[in-house]
Amino acid sequence: ISAAGSEKLTKGFGPLLPGFRQLPFGDHDALREAAAA
């Protein structure tokens, strides 16, 4: 659920595990920028 990150899955179950970064579905610019980190 930390990987998915949606409120539906995660609400009430915090703290979540670090190490995941959720990106908008279909946003190629955001993906390319994030992949270079």
PDB file of all heavy atoms in Angstrom:
ATOM      1  N   ILE A   1       0.836  -1.211   0.000  1.00  0.00           N
ATOM      2  CA  ILE A   1       0.000   0.000   0.000  1.00  0.00           C
ATOM      3  C   ILE A   1       0.868   1.256   0.000  1.00  0.00           C
ATOM      4  O   ILE A   1       0.464   2.294  -0.539  1.00  0.00           O
ATOM      5  CB  ILE A   1      -1.011   0.019   1.164  1.00  0.00           C
ATOM      6  CG1 ILE A   1      -0.323   0.110   2.526  1.00  0.00           C
ATOM      7  CG2 ILE A   1      -1.940  -1.185   1.077  1.00  0.00           C
ATOM      8  CD1 ILE A   1      -1.296   0.315   3.690  1.00  0.00           C
ATOM      9  N   SER A   2       2.057   1.168   0.563  1.00  0.00           N
ATOM     10  CA  SER A   2       2.983   2.301   0.491  1.00  0.00           C
ATOM     11  C   SER A   2       3.405   2.538  -0.944  1.00  0.00           C
ATOM     12  O   SER A   2       3.574   3.685  -1.375  1.00  0.00           O
ATOM     13  CB  SER A   2       4.207   2.051   1.366  1.00  0.00           C
ATOM     14  OG  SER A   2       3.863   1.908   2.725  1.00  0.00           O
ATOM     15  N   ALA A   3       3.574   1.466  -1.695  1.00  0.00           N
ATOM     16  CA  ALA A   3       3.935   1.591  -3.108  1.00  0.00           C
ATOM     17  C   ALA A   3       2.823   2.234  -3.905  1.00  0.00           C
ATOM     18  O   ALA A   3       3.064   3.093  -4.755  1.00  0.00           O
ATOM     19  CB  ALA A   3       4.260   0.211  -3.682  1.00  0.00           C
ATOM     20  N   ALA A   4       1.575   1.840  -3.638  1.00  0.00           N
ATOM     21  CA  ALA A   4       0.439   2.391  -4.382  1.00  0.00           C
ATOM     22  C   ALA A   4       0.142   3.825  -3.959  1.00  0.00           C
ATOM     23  O   ALA A   4      -0.062   4.702  -4.796  1.00  0.00           O
ATOM     24  CB  ALA A   4      -0.789   1.514  -4.189  1.00  0.00           C
ATOM     25  N   GLY A   5       0.077   4.047  -2.654  1.00  0.00           N
ATOM     26  CA  GLY A   5      -0.020   5.404  -2.133  1.00  0.00           C
ATOM     27  C   GLY A   5      -1.387   6.038  -2.096  1.00  0.00           C
ATOM     28  O   GLY A   5      -1.540   7.154  -1.588  1.00  0.00           O
ATOM     29  N   SER A   6      -2.421   5.392  -2.617  1.00  0.00           N
ATOM     30  CA  SER A   6      -3.739   6.037  -2.670  1.00  0.00           C
ATOM     31  C   SER A   6      -4.355   6.130  -1.274  1.00  0.00           C
ATOM     32  O   SER A   6      -4.129   5.268  -0.418  1.00  0.00           O
ATOM     33  CB  SER A   6      -4.673   5.252  -3.588  1.00  0.00           C
ATOM     34  OG  SER A   6      -5.009   4.004  -3.026  1.00  0.00           O
ATOM     35  N   GLU A   7      -5.161   7.153  -1.064  1.00  0.00           N
ATOM     36  CA  GLU A   7      -5.802   7.336   0.235  1.00  0.00           C
ATOM     37  C   GLU A   7      -6.720   6.167   0.575  1.00  0.00           C
ATOM     38  O   GLU A   7      -6.815   5.740   1.727  1.00  0.00           O
ATOM     39  CB  GLU A   7      -6.605   8.636   0.255  1.00  0.00           C
ATOM     40  CG  GLU A   7      -7.251   8.927   1.603  1.00  0.00           C
ATOM     41  CD  GLU A   7      -8.052  10.209   1.625  1.00  0.00           C
ATOM     42  OE1 GLU A   7      -8.246  10.805   0.547  1.00  0.00           O
ATOM     43  OE2 GLU A   7      -8.495  10.614   2.724  1.00  0.00           O
ATOM     44  N   LYS A   8      -7.392   5.620  -0.442  1.00  0.00           N
ATOM     45  CA  LYS A   8      -8.294   4.502  -0.215  1.00  0.00           C
ATOM     46  C   LYS A   8      -7.576   3.329   0.431  1.00  0.00           C
ATOM     47  O   LYS A   8      -8.135   2.642   1.297  1.00  0.00           O
ATOM     48  CB  LYS A   8      -8.910   4.070  -1.553  1.00  0.00           C
ATOM     49  CG  LYS A   8      -9.829   2.869  -1.449  1.00  0.00           C
ATOM     50  CD  LYS A   8     -10.371   2.479  -2.809  1.00  0.00           C
ATOM     51  CE  LYS A   8     -11.239   1.219  -2.729  1.00  0.00           C
ATOM     52  NZ  LYS A   8     -11.749   0.811  -4.059  1.00  0.00           N
ATOM     53  N   LEU A   9      -6.350   3.086   0.032  1.00  0.00           N
ATOM     54  CA  LEU A   9      -5.592   1.956   0.556  1.00  0.00           C
ATOM     55  C   LEU A   9      -4.837   2.289   1.840  1.00  0.00           C
ATOM     56  O   LEU A   9      -4.627   1.418   2.681  1.00  0.00           O
ATOM     57  CB  LEU A   9      -4.590   1.463  -0.492  1.00  0.00           C
ATOM     58  CG  LEU A   9      -5.172   0.798  -1.741  1.00  0.00           C
ATOM     59  CD1 LEU A   9      -4.063   0.556  -2.764  1.00  0.00           C
ATOM     60  CD2 LEU A   9      -5.851  -0.516  -1.385  1.00  0.00           C
ATOM     61  N   THR A  10      -4.416   3.545   1.997  1.00  0.00           N
ATOM     62  CA  THR A  10      -3.469   3.879   3.065  1.00  0.00           C
ATOM     63  C   THR A  10      -4.083   4.569   4.274  1.00  0.00           C
ATOM     64  O   THR A  10      -3.460   4.591   5.340  1.00  0.00           O
ATOM     65  CB  THR A  10      -2.363   4.797   2.519  1.00  0.00           C
ATOM     66  OG1 THR A  10      -2.951   6.026   2.055  1.00  0.00           O
ATOM     67  CG2 THR A  10      -1.623   4.130   1.359  1.00  0.00           C
ATOM     68  N   LYS A  11      -5.290   5.132   4.147  1.00  0.00           N
ATOM     69  CA  LYS A  11      -5.867   5.922   5.234  1.00  0.00           C
ATOM     70  C   LYS A  11      -5.985   5.097   6.511  1.00  0.00           C
ATOM     71  O   LYS A  11      -6.568   4.008   6.527  1.00  0.00           O
ATOM     72  CB  LYS A  11      -7.246   6.448   4.828  1.00  0.00           C
ATOM     73  CG  LYS A  11      -7.847   7.410   5.849  1.00  0.00           C
ATOM     74  CD  LYS A  11      -9.170   7.982   5.359  1.00  0.00           C
ATOM     75  CE  LYS A  11      -9.756   8.957   6.355  1.00  0.00           C
ATOM     76  NZ  LYS A  11     -11.047   9.519   5.863  1.00  0.00           N
ATOM     77  N   GLY A  12      -5.407   5.609   7.582  1.00  0.00           N
ATOM     78  CA  GLY A  12      -5.476   4.956   8.879  1.00  0.00           C
ATOM     79  C   GLY A  12      -4.385   3.945   9.153  1.00  0.00           C
ATOM     80  O   GLY A  12      -4.322   3.383  10.254  1.00  0.00           O
ATOM     81  N   PHE A  13      -3.507   3.708   8.173  1.00  0.00           N
ATOM     82  CA  PHE A  13      -2.487   2.681   8.331  1.00  0.00           C
ATOM     83  C   PHE A  13      -1.072   3.259   8.411  1.00  0.00           C
ATOM     84  O   PHE A  13      -0.100   2.516   8.282  1.00  0.00           O
ATOM     85  CB  PHE A  13      -2.569   1.668   7.186  1.00  0.00           C
ATOM     86  CG  PHE A  13      -3.866   0.911   7.153  1.00  0.00           C
ATOM     87  CD1 PHE A  13      -4.730   1.051   6.083  1.00  0.00           C
ATOM     88  CD2 PHE A  13      -4.233   0.089   8.201  1.00  0.00           C
ATOM     89  CE1 PHE A  13      -5.934   0.359   6.043  1.00  0.00           C
ATOM     90  CE2 PHE A  13      -5.434  -0.605   8.174  1.00  0.00           C
ATOM     91  CZ  PHE A  13      -6.294  -0.474   7.096  1.00  0.00           C
ATOM     92  N   GLY A  14      -0.953   4.548   8.633  1.00  0.00           N
ATOM     93  CA  GLY A  14       0.360   5.155   8.721  1.00  0.00           C
ATOM     94  C   GLY A  14       1.059   4.810  10.029  1.00  0.00           C
ATOM     95  O   GLY A  14       0.430   4.304  10.966  1.00  0.00           O
ATOM     96  N   PRO A  15       2.382   5.076  10.127  1.00  0.00           N
ATOM     97  CA  PRO A  15       3.198   5.654   9.060  1.00  0.00           C
ATOM     98  C   PRO A  15       3.506   4.628   7.965  1.00  0.00           C
ATOM     99  O   PRO A  15       3.712   3.441   8.242  1.00  0.00           O
ATOM    100  CB  PRO A  15       4.481   6.068   9.776  1.00  0.00           C
ATOM    101  CG  PRO A  15       4.574   5.113  10.929  1.00  0.00           C
ATOM    102  CD  PRO A  15       3.157   4.835  11.359  1.00  0.00           C
ATOM    103  N   LEU A  16       3.519   5.117   6.731  1.00  0.00           N
ATOM    104  CA  LEU A  16       3.825   4.254   5.600  1.00  0.00           C
ATOM    105  C   LEU A  16       5.331   4.088   5.451  1.00  0.00           C
ATOM    106  O   LEU A  16       6.117   4.876   5.989  1.00  0.00           O
ATOM    107  CB  LEU A  16       3.231   4.841   4.325  1.00  0.00           C
ATOM    108  CG  LEU A  16       1.714   5.032   4.338  1.00  0.00           C
ATOM    109  CD1 LEU A  16       1.264   5.679   3.030  1.00  0.00           C
ATOM    110  CD2 LEU A  16       0.988   3.714   4.561  1.00  0.00           C
ATOM    111  N   LEU A  17       5.720   3.079   4.685  1.00  0.00           N
ATOM    112  CA  LEU A  17       7.137   2.849   4.456  1.00  0.00           C
ATOM    113  C   LEU A  17       7.686   3.864   3.458  1.00  0.00           C
ATOM    114  O   LEU A  17       7.039   4.172   2.453  1.00  0.00           O
ATOM    115  CB  LEU A  17       7.358   1.441   3.907  1.00  0.00           C
ATOM    116  CG  LEU A  17       7.011   0.276   4.837  1.00  0.00           C
ATOM    117  CD1 LEU A  17       7.319  -1.039   4.141  1.00  0.00           C
ATOM    118  CD2 LEU A  17       7.775   0.374   6.144  1.00  0.00           C
ATOM    119  N   PRO A  18       8.865   4.379   3.717  1.00  0.00           N
ATOM    120  CA  PRO A  18       9.491   5.277   2.740  1.00  0.00           C
ATOM    121  C   PRO A  18      10.050   4.482   1.563  1.00  0.00           C
ATOM    122  O   PRO A  18      10.068   3.247   1.571  1.00  0.00           O
ATOM    123  CB  PRO A  18      10.610   5.930   3.541  1.00  0.00           C
ATOM    124  CG  PRO A  18      10.978   4.892   4.568  1.00  0.00           C
ATOM    125  CD  PRO A  18       9.697   4.186   4.920  1.00  0.00           C
ATOM    126  N   GLY A  19      10.497   5.205   0.547  1.00  0.00           N
ATOM    127  CA  GLY A  19      11.175   4.552  -0.553  1.00  0.00           C
ATOM    128  C   GLY A  19      10.333   4.364  -1.796  1.00  0.00           C
ATOM    129  O   GLY A  19      10.755   3.674  -2.722  1.00  0.00           O
ATOM    130  N   PHE A  20       9.144   4.990  -1.825  1.00  0.00           N
ATOM    131  CA  PHE A  20       8.292   4.935  -3.011  1.00  0.00           C
ATOM    132  C   PHE A  20       7.912   6.341  -3.433  1.00  0.00           C
ATOM    133  O   PHE A  20       7.687   7.212  -2.589  1.00  0.00           O
ATOM    134  CB  PHE A  20       7.024   4.121  -2.742  1.00  0.00           C
ATOM    135  CG  PHE A  20       7.290   2.710  -2.327  1.00  0.00           C
ATOM    136  CD1 PHE A  20       7.265   2.351  -0.982  1.00  0.00           C
ATOM    137  CD2 PHE A  20       7.583   1.740  -3.270  1.00  0.00           C
ATOM    138  CE1 PHE A  20       7.516   1.048  -0.585  1.00  0.00           C
ATOM    139  CE2 PHE A  20       7.846   0.428  -2.882  1.00  0.00           C
ATOM    140  CZ  PHE A  20       7.811   0.086  -1.540  1.00  0.00           C
ATOM    141  N   ARG A  21       7.856   6.557  -4.727  1.00  0.00           N
ATOM    142  CA  ARG A  21       7.458   7.867  -5.253  1.00  0.00           C
ATOM    143  C   ARG A  21       6.395   7.641  -6.319  1.00  0.00           C
ATOM    144  O   ARG A  21       6.656   7.021  -7.343  1.00  0.00           O
ATOM    145  CB  ARG A  21       8.670   8.588  -5.840  1.00  0.00           C
ATOM    146  CG  ARG A  21       8.426  10.052  -6.198  1.00  0.00           C
ATOM    147  CD  ARG A  21       9.762  10.721  -6.555  1.00  0.00           C
ATOM    148  NE  ARG A  21      10.720  10.575  -5.469  1.00  0.00           N
ATOM    149  CZ  ARG A  21      12.042  10.542  -5.628  1.00  0.00           C
ATOM    150  NH1 ARG A  21      12.572  10.627  -6.832  1.00  0.00           N
ATOM    151  NH2 ARG A  21      12.841  10.409  -4.583  1.00  0.00           N
ATOM    152  N   GLN A  22       5.159   8.102  -6.021  1.00  0.00           N
ATOM    153  CA  GLN A  22       4.051   7.902  -6.943  1.00  0.00           C
ATOM    154  C   GLN A  22       4.017   9.023  -7.979  1.00  0.00           C
ATOM    155  O   GLN A  22       4.163  10.211  -7.639  1.00  0.00           O
ATOM    156  CB  GLN A  22       2.717   7.856  -6.194  1.00  0.00           C
ATOM    157  CG  GLN A  22       2.538   6.637  -5.308  1.00  0.00           C
ATOM    158  CD  GLN A  22       3.181   6.805  -3.931  1.00  0.00           C
ATOM    159  OE1 GLN A  22       3.338   7.913  -3.450  1.00  0.00           O
ATOM    160  NE2 GLN A  22       3.538   5.692  -3.300  1.00  0.00           N
ATOM    161  N   LEU A  23       3.799   8.644  -9.229  1.00  0.00           N
ATOM    162  CA  LEU A  23       3.750   9.594 -10.335  1.00  0.00           C
ATOM    163  C   LEU A  23       2.374   9.570 -10.984  1.00  0.00           C
ATOM    164  O   LEU A  23       1.679   8.548 -10.952  1.00  0.00           O
ATOM    165  CB  LEU A  23       4.806   9.231 -11.391  1.00  0.00           C
ATOM    166  CG  LEU A  23       6.249   9.167 -10.906  1.00  0.00           C
ATOM    167  CD1 LEU A  23       7.148   8.667 -12.033  1.00  0.00           C
ATOM    168  CD2 LEU A  23       6.718  10.521 -10.407  1.00  0.00           C
ATOM    169  N   PRO A  24       1.963  10.682 -11.603  1.00  0.00           N
ATOM    170  CA  PRO A  24       0.670  10.694 -12.297  1.00  0.00           C
ATOM    171  C   PRO A  24       0.670   9.684 -13.444  1.00  0.00           C
ATOM    172  O   PRO A  24       1.672   9.524 -14.145  1.00  0.00           O
ATOM    173  CB  PRO A  24       0.551  12.128 -12.824  1.00  0.00           C
ATOM    174  CG  PRO A  24       1.503  12.930 -11.993  1.00  0.00           C
ATOM    175  CD  PRO A  24       2.624  12.007 -11.641  1.00  0.00           C
ATOM    176  N   PHE A  25      -0.435   9.006 -13.641  1.00  0.00           N
ATOM    177  CA  PHE A  25      -0.574   8.030 -14.715  1.00  0.00           C
ATOM    178  C   PHE A  25      -0.534   8.753 -16.058  1.00  0.00           C
ATOM    179  O   PHE A  25      -1.316   9.663 -16.308  1.00  0.00           O
ATOM    180  CB  PHE A  25      -1.901   7.279 -14.562  1.00  0.00           C
ATOM    181  CG  PHE A  25      -2.078   6.123 -15.507  1.00  0.00           C
ATOM    182  CD1 PHE A  25      -1.560   4.878 -15.203  1.00  0.00           C
ATOM    183  CD2 PHE A  25      -2.765   6.274 -16.697  1.00  0.00           C
ATOM    184  CE1 PHE A  25      -1.725   3.798 -16.055  1.00  0.00           C
ATOM    185  CE2 PHE A  25      -2.943   5.202 -17.563  1.00  0.00           C
ATOM    186  CZ  PHE A  25      -2.418   3.954 -17.238  1.00  0.00           C
ATOM    187  N   GLY A  26       0.416   8.384 -16.901  1.00  0.00           N
ATOM    188  CA  GLY A  26       0.494   8.968 -18.234  1.00  0.00           C
ATOM    189  C   GLY A  26       1.274  10.264 -18.354  1.00  0.00           C
ATOM    190  O   GLY A  26       1.343  10.831 -19.446  1.00  0.00           O
ATOM    191  N   ASP A  27       1.899  10.724 -17.269  1.00  0.00           N
ATOM    192  CA  ASP A  27       2.672  11.973 -17.317  1.00  0.00           C
ATOM    193  C   ASP A  27       4.129  11.639 -17.643  1.00  0.00           C
ATOM    194  O   ASP A  27       4.937  11.341 -16.768  1.00  0.00           O
ATOM    195  CB  ASP A  27       2.581  12.702 -15.973  1.00  0.00           C
ATOM    196  CG  ASP A  27       3.166  14.115 -16.021  1.00  0.00           C
ATOM    197  OD1 ASP A  27       4.073  14.354 -16.841  1.00  0.00           O
ATOM    198  OD2 ASP A  27       2.730  14.968 -15.226  1.00  0.00           O
ATOM    199  N   HIS A  28       4.463  11.698 -18.929  1.00  0.00           N
ATOM    200  CA  HIS A  28       5.795  11.287 -19.371  1.00  0.00           C
ATOM    201  C   HIS A  28       6.891  12.226 -18.888  1.00  0.00           C
ATOM    202  O   HIS A  28       8.008  11.792 -18.575  1.00  0.00           O
ATOM    203  CB  HIS A  28       5.824  11.184 -20.897  1.00  0.00           C
ATOM    204  CG  HIS A  28       4.888  10.159 -21.436  1.00  0.00           C
ATOM    205  ND1 HIS A  28       3.913  10.431 -22.347  1.00  0.00           N
ATOM    206  CD2 HIS A  28       4.760   8.832 -21.160  1.00  0.00           C
ATOM    207  CE1 HIS A  28       3.234   9.337 -22.632  1.00  0.00           C
ATOM    208  NE2 HIS A  28       3.720   8.355 -21.926  1.00  0.00           N
ATOM    209  N   ASP A  29       6.589  13.509 -18.799  1.00  0.00           N
ATOM    210  CA  ASP A  29       7.591  14.471 -18.332  1.00  0.00           C
ATOM    211  C   ASP A  29       7.952  14.221 -16.872  1.00  0.00           C
ATOM    212  O   ASP A  29       9.140  14.247 -16.501  1.00  0.00           O
ATOM    213  CB  ASP A  29       7.076  15.904 -18.517  1.00  0.00           C
ATOM    214  CG  ASP A  29       6.959  16.308 -19.978  1.00  0.00           C
ATOM    215  OD1 ASP A  29       7.654  15.695 -20.825  1.00  0.00           O
ATOM    216  OD2 ASP A  29       6.168  17.222 -20.288  1.00  0.00           O
ATOM    217  N   ALA A  30       6.933  13.983 -16.054  1.00  0.00           N
ATOM    218  CA  ALA A  30       7.181  13.713 -14.637  1.00  0.00           C
ATOM    219  C   ALA A  30       7.986  12.434 -14.478  1.00  0.00           C
ATOM    220  O   ALA A  30       8.886  12.345 -13.630  1.00  0.00           O
ATOM    221  CB  ALA A  30       5.861  13.612 -13.880  1.00  0.00           C
ATOM    222  N   LEU A  31       7.692  11.444 -15.295  1.00  0.00           N
ATOM    223  CA  LEU A  31       8.408  10.170 -15.230  1.00  0.00           C
ATOM    224  C   LEU A  31       9.874  10.345 -15.612  1.00  0.00           C
ATOM    225  O   LEU A  31      10.770   9.852 -14.918  1.00  0.00           O
ATOM    226  CB  LEU A  31       7.740   9.158 -16.157  1.00  0.00           C
ATOM    227  CG  LEU A  31       8.472   7.831 -16.363  1.00  0.00           C
ATOM    228  CD1 LEU A  31       8.638   7.087 -15.050  1.00  0.00           C
ATOM    229  CD2 LEU A  31       7.723   6.966 -17.375  1.00  0.00           C
ATOM    230  N   ARG A  32      10.117  11.045 -16.697  1.00  0.00           N
ATOM    231  CA  ARG A  32      11.492  11.224 -17.155  1.00  0.00           C
ATOM    232  C   ARG A  32      12.317  11.990 -16.122  1.00  0.00           C
ATOM    233  O   ARG A  32      13.471  11.645 -15.859  1.00  0.00           O
ATOM    234  CB  ARG A  32      11.498  11.947 -18.510  1.00  0.00           C
ATOM    235  CG  ARG A  32      12.891  12.160 -19.080  1.00  0.00           C
ATOM    236  CD  ARG A  32      12.875  12.431 -20.564  1.00  0.00           C
ATOM    237  NE  ARG A  32      12.530  11.213 -21.306  1.00  0.00           N
ATOM    238  CZ  ARG A  32      13.392  10.242 -21.572  1.00  0.00           C
ATOM    239  NH1 ARG A  32      14.650  10.316 -21.152  1.00  0.00           N
ATOM    240  NH2 ARG A  32      13.014   9.180 -22.250  1.00  0.00           N
ATOM    241  N   GLU A  33      11.719  13.004 -15.522  1.00  0.00           N
ATOM    242  CA  GLU A  33      12.430  13.772 -14.499  1.00  0.00           C
ATOM    243  C   GLU A  33      12.716  12.915 -13.273  1.00  0.00           C
ATOM    244  O   GLU A  33      13.825  12.922 -12.726  1.00  0.00           O
ATOM    245  CB  GLU A  33      11.601  14.990 -14.099  1.00  0.00           C
ATOM    246  CG  GLU A  33      12.255  15.853 -13.037  1.00  0.00           C
ATOM    247  CD  GLU A  33      11.412  17.052 -12.648  1.00  0.00           C
ATOM    248  OE1 GLU A  33      10.351  17.279 -13.270  1.00  0.00           O
ATOM    249  OE2 GLU A  33      11.816  17.768 -11.697  1.00  0.00           O
ATOM    250  N   ALA A  34      11.715  12.136 -12.838  1.00  0.00           N
ATOM    251  CA  ALA A  34      11.886  11.317 -11.636  1.00  0.00           C
ATOM    252  C   ALA A  34      12.916  10.219 -11.849  1.00  0.00           C
ATOM    253  O   ALA A  34      13.697   9.896 -10.947  1.00  0.00           O
ATOM    254  CB  ALA A  34      10.545  10.709 -11.232  1.00  0.00           C
ATOM    255  N   ALA A  35      12.943   9.623 -13.040  1.00  0.00           N
ATOM    256  CA  ALA A  35      13.861   8.513 -13.315  1.00  0.00           C
ATOM    257  C   ALA A  35      15.319   8.931 -13.244  1.00  0.00           C
ATOM    258  O   ALA A  35      16.198   8.097 -13.010  1.00  0.00           O
ATOM    259  CB  ALA A  35      13.551   7.913 -14.680  1.00  0.00           C
ATOM    260  N   ALA A  36      15.584  10.218 -13.431  1.00  0.00           N
ATOM    261  CA  ALA A  36      16.962  10.708 -13.423  1.00  0.00           C
ATOM    262  C   ALA A  36      17.491  10.994 -12.025  1.00  0.00           C
ATOM    263  O   ALA A  36      18.685  11.258 -11.854  1.00  0.00           O
ATOM    264  CB  ALA A  36      17.055  11.973 -14.282  1.00  0.00           C
ATOM    265  N   ALA A  37      16.606  10.916 -11.019  1.00  0.00           N
ATOM    266  CA  ALA A  37      17.029  11.226  -9.653  1.00  0.00           C
ATOM    267  C   ALA A  37      18.027  10.185  -9.163  1.00  0.00           C
ATOM    268  O   ALA A  37      17.875   8.982  -9.437  1.00  0.00           O
ATOM    269  CB  ALA A  37      15.824  11.280  -8.729  1.00  0.00           C
TER     270      ALA A  37
END
